[in-house]
Amino acid sequence: MAPHSGHCIADSPNSSVNYATPSRYTYGQAVDFYVSGVPIRQVAAALSDWPGGLGLYPTWVHLDTGPRRRWYR
C-alpha cells in the first residue's frame, strides 16, 4: 500500500491543493492510496464494508472517517 495523500495542513505556505473546509485531510481523518499491482476496483471491493467515505479515482482510492458514502470519478 502506498499513500497518494493524507494528513496535510491546508493553510500552509507550501499547500497547492484546495481542500473543502473543513477537510478531513487536515484532521488526519482521510487518506488517498493505491496498492501496487492491485486494480482499484479490487481494492474497493475489499473495502466495501467500510463505514465511512469510499471514493474511487482512476489511480487511487480515497477513505475517510465521515458518514458512509460512495463516489466514482
N, C-alpha and C. Protein backbone atom coordinates (compact mmCIF):
# COMPACT_ATOMS: atom_id res chain seq x y z
N MET A 1 0.85 -1.17 0.00
CA MET A 1 0.00 0.00 0.00
C MET A 1 0.89 1.23 0.00
N ALA A 2 0.59 2.17 -0.84
CA ALA A 2 1.35 3.41 -0.91
C ALA A 2 0.40 4.59 -0.80
N PRO A 3 0.72 5.55 0.06
CA PRO A 3 -0.15 6.72 0.18
C PRO A 3 -0.05 7.60 -1.05
N HIS A 4 -1.15 8.17 -1.44
CA HIS A 4 -1.18 9.18 -2.50
C HIS A 4 -1.23 10.55 -1.85
N SER A 5 -2.05 10.69 -0.82
CA SER A 5 -2.07 11.89 0.02
C SER A 5 -2.75 11.53 1.33
N GLY A 6 -2.46 12.31 2.33
CA GLY A 6 -3.03 12.04 3.65
C GLY A 6 -3.10 13.32 4.45
N HIS A 7 -2.68 13.27 5.71
CA HIS A 7 -2.75 14.44 6.58
C HIS A 7 -1.99 15.60 5.97
N CYS A 8 -2.61 16.75 5.94
CA CYS A 8 -1.95 17.95 5.42
C CYS A 8 -2.49 19.16 6.16
N ILE A 9 -1.77 20.22 6.04
CA ILE A 9 -2.19 21.49 6.63
C ILE A 9 -2.60 22.39 5.48
N ALA A 10 -3.89 22.59 5.33
CA ALA A 10 -4.42 23.29 4.15
C ALA A 10 -3.91 24.71 4.01
N ASP A 11 -3.65 25.40 5.12
CA ASP A 11 -3.24 26.80 5.00
C ASP A 11 -1.73 26.97 5.10
N SER A 12 -0.97 25.88 4.91
CA SER A 12 0.48 26.01 4.95
C SER A 12 0.96 26.72 3.69
N PRO A 13 2.10 27.41 3.77
CA PRO A 13 2.60 28.15 2.60
C PRO A 13 2.89 27.25 1.41
N ASN A 14 3.17 25.96 1.65
CA ASN A 14 3.51 25.04 0.57
C ASN A 14 2.30 24.30 0.02
N SER A 15 1.12 24.56 0.55
CA SER A 15 -0.07 23.83 0.12
C SER A 15 -0.54 24.34 -1.24
N SER A 16 -0.59 23.43 -2.21
CA SER A 16 -1.08 23.80 -3.54
C SER A 16 -2.41 23.12 -3.83
N VAL A 17 -2.97 22.44 -2.83
CA VAL A 17 -4.22 21.71 -3.01
C VAL A 17 -5.34 22.47 -2.33
N ASN A 18 -6.45 22.62 -3.00
CA ASN A 18 -7.62 23.29 -2.42
C ASN A 18 -8.59 22.25 -1.90
N TYR A 19 -8.57 22.03 -0.60
CA TYR A 19 -9.47 21.08 0.04
C TYR A 19 -10.72 21.80 0.50
N ALA A 20 -11.79 21.04 0.65
CA ALA A 20 -13.01 21.59 1.24
C ALA A 20 -12.70 22.03 2.66
N THR A 21 -13.41 23.00 3.15
CA THR A 21 -13.18 23.49 4.51
C THR A 21 -14.41 23.21 5.34
N PRO A 22 -14.32 22.56 6.47
CA PRO A 22 -13.10 21.90 6.93
C PRO A 22 -12.89 20.58 6.18
N SER A 23 -11.65 20.19 6.03
CA SER A 23 -11.31 18.98 5.32
C SER A 23 -10.91 17.88 6.29
N ARG A 24 -11.33 16.67 6.03
CA ARG A 24 -10.90 15.54 6.87
C ARG A 24 -9.40 15.32 6.75
N TYR A 25 -8.81 15.72 5.63
CA TYR A 25 -7.35 15.61 5.49
C TYR A 25 -6.64 16.43 6.56
N THR A 26 -7.14 17.62 6.83
CA THR A 26 -6.45 18.50 7.78
C THR A 26 -6.55 17.99 9.21
N TYR A 27 -7.48 17.07 9.46
CA TYR A 27 -7.63 16.47 10.80
C TYR A 27 -7.05 15.06 10.86
N GLY A 28 -6.39 14.61 9.80
CA GLY A 28 -5.84 13.26 9.77
C GLY A 28 -6.91 12.19 9.68
N GLN A 29 -8.07 12.53 9.11
CA GLN A 29 -9.19 11.59 9.04
C GLN A 29 -9.48 11.13 7.61
N ALA A 30 -8.53 11.33 6.71
CA ALA A 30 -8.72 10.90 5.32
C ALA A 30 -7.37 10.52 4.73
N VAL A 31 -7.41 9.61 3.78
CA VAL A 31 -6.20 9.19 3.08
C VAL A 31 -6.58 8.78 1.66
N ASP A 32 -5.69 9.07 0.73
CA ASP A 32 -5.79 8.60 -0.64
C ASP A 32 -4.61 7.64 -0.83
N PHE A 33 -4.85 6.48 -1.41
CA PHE A 33 -3.78 5.49 -1.54
C PHE A 33 -4.04 4.57 -2.72
N TYR A 34 -3.02 3.78 -3.06
CA TYR A 34 -3.16 2.72 -4.05
C TYR A 34 -2.36 1.52 -3.55
N VAL A 35 -2.68 0.36 -4.07
CA VAL A 35 -1.95 -0.85 -3.74
C VAL A 35 -1.28 -1.30 -5.03
N SER A 36 0.03 -1.28 -5.05
CA SER A 36 0.79 -1.60 -6.25
C SER A 36 0.41 -2.99 -6.79
N GLY A 37 0.06 -3.04 -8.06
CA GLY A 37 -0.27 -4.30 -8.70
C GLY A 37 -1.69 -4.80 -8.50
N VAL A 38 -2.50 -4.05 -7.75
CA VAL A 38 -3.89 -4.46 -7.48
C VAL A 38 -4.82 -3.44 -8.12
N PRO A 39 -5.74 -3.88 -8.97
CA PRO A 39 -6.68 -2.94 -9.60
C PRO A 39 -7.50 -2.17 -8.55
N ILE A 40 -7.77 -0.91 -8.84
CA ILE A 40 -8.50 -0.03 -7.92
C ILE A 40 -9.84 -0.65 -7.52
N ARG A 41 -10.56 -1.21 -8.47
CA ARG A 41 -11.88 -1.79 -8.14
C ARG A 41 -11.75 -3.01 -7.22
N GLN A 42 -10.65 -3.73 -7.31
CA GLN A 42 -10.43 -4.86 -6.40
C GLN A 42 -10.16 -4.37 -4.98
N VAL A 43 -9.39 -3.30 -4.85
CA VAL A 43 -9.14 -2.70 -3.54
C VAL A 43 -10.47 -2.22 -2.95
N ALA A 44 -11.26 -1.53 -3.76
CA ALA A 44 -12.55 -1.02 -3.29
C ALA A 44 -13.48 -2.15 -2.88
N ALA A 45 -13.47 -3.25 -3.61
CA ALA A 45 -14.32 -4.39 -3.26
C ALA A 45 -13.94 -4.94 -1.89
N ALA A 46 -12.65 -4.97 -1.59
CA ALA A 46 -12.19 -5.45 -0.29
C ALA A 46 -12.63 -4.51 0.84
N LEU A 47 -12.89 -3.25 0.50
CA LEU A 47 -13.28 -2.25 1.49
C LEU A 47 -14.77 -1.93 1.44
N SER A 48 -15.55 -2.77 0.81
CA SER A 48 -16.97 -2.47 0.60
C SER A 48 -17.75 -2.28 1.90
N ASP A 49 -17.29 -2.84 3.00
CA ASP A 49 -17.98 -2.68 4.28
C ASP A 49 -17.47 -1.47 5.07
N TRP A 50 -16.56 -0.69 4.49
CA TRP A 50 -16.01 0.48 5.18
C TRP A 50 -17.16 1.39 5.62
N PRO A 51 -17.19 1.79 6.91
CA PRO A 51 -18.32 2.58 7.40
C PRO A 51 -18.28 4.06 7.03
N GLY A 52 -17.19 4.54 6.47
CA GLY A 52 -17.07 5.96 6.13
C GLY A 52 -17.12 6.19 4.64
N GLY A 53 -16.45 7.26 4.21
CA GLY A 53 -16.40 7.62 2.80
C GLY A 53 -15.43 6.74 2.04
N LEU A 54 -15.84 6.32 0.86
CA LEU A 54 -15.01 5.50 -0.02
C LEU A 54 -15.18 6.03 -1.44
N GLY A 55 -14.10 6.58 -1.98
CA GLY A 55 -14.14 7.13 -3.33
C GLY A 55 -13.14 6.44 -4.23
N LEU A 56 -13.54 6.19 -5.46
CA LEU A 56 -12.65 5.58 -6.44
C LEU A 56 -12.25 6.62 -7.47
N TYR A 57 -10.97 6.71 -7.72
CA TYR A 57 -10.42 7.60 -8.74
C TYR A 57 -9.63 6.73 -9.71
N PRO A 58 -9.24 7.25 -10.85
CA PRO A 58 -8.55 6.41 -11.84
C PRO A 58 -7.30 5.70 -11.31
N THR A 59 -6.57 6.33 -10.40
CA THR A 59 -5.31 5.72 -9.94
C THR A 59 -5.18 5.58 -8.43
N TRP A 60 -6.24 5.89 -7.68
CA TRP A 60 -6.17 5.72 -6.23
C TRP A 60 -7.55 5.56 -5.63
N VAL A 61 -7.54 5.18 -4.34
CA VAL A 61 -8.77 5.03 -3.56
C VAL A 61 -8.73 6.06 -2.44
N HIS A 62 -9.86 6.66 -2.15
CA HIS A 62 -9.98 7.61 -1.04
C HIS A 62 -10.78 6.95 0.07
N LEU A 63 -10.29 7.06 1.32
CA LEU A 63 -11.03 6.63 2.51
C LEU A 63 -11.10 7.79 3.48
N ASP A 64 -12.23 7.93 4.16
CA ASP A 64 -12.30 8.91 5.25
C ASP A 64 -13.24 8.40 6.33
N THR A 65 -13.22 9.09 7.46
CA THR A 65 -13.98 8.67 8.64
C THR A 65 -15.33 9.37 8.73
N GLY A 66 -15.74 10.03 7.68
CA GLY A 66 -17.04 10.71 7.68
C GLY A 66 -18.18 9.72 7.53
N PRO A 67 -19.38 10.23 7.27
CA PRO A 67 -20.54 9.36 7.08
C PRO A 67 -20.34 8.42 5.89
N ARG A 68 -21.04 7.30 5.91
CA ARG A 68 -20.92 6.34 4.82
C ARG A 68 -21.45 6.95 3.52
N ARG A 69 -20.60 6.95 2.50
CA ARG A 69 -20.98 7.41 1.18
C ARG A 69 -19.99 6.84 0.17
N ARG A 70 -20.38 6.78 -1.08
CA ARG A 70 -19.56 6.21 -2.14
C ARG A 70 -19.60 7.13 -3.35
N TRP A 71 -18.47 7.24 -4.04
CA TRP A 71 -18.44 8.01 -5.29
C TRP A 71 -17.34 7.48 -6.19
N TYR A 72 -17.49 7.77 -7.47
CA TYR A 72 -16.56 7.32 -8.51
C TYR A 72 -16.24 8.49 -9.41
N ARG A 73 -14.98 8.67 -9.70
CA ARG A 73 -14.57 9.78 -10.58
C ARG A 73 -13.85 9.25 -11.79
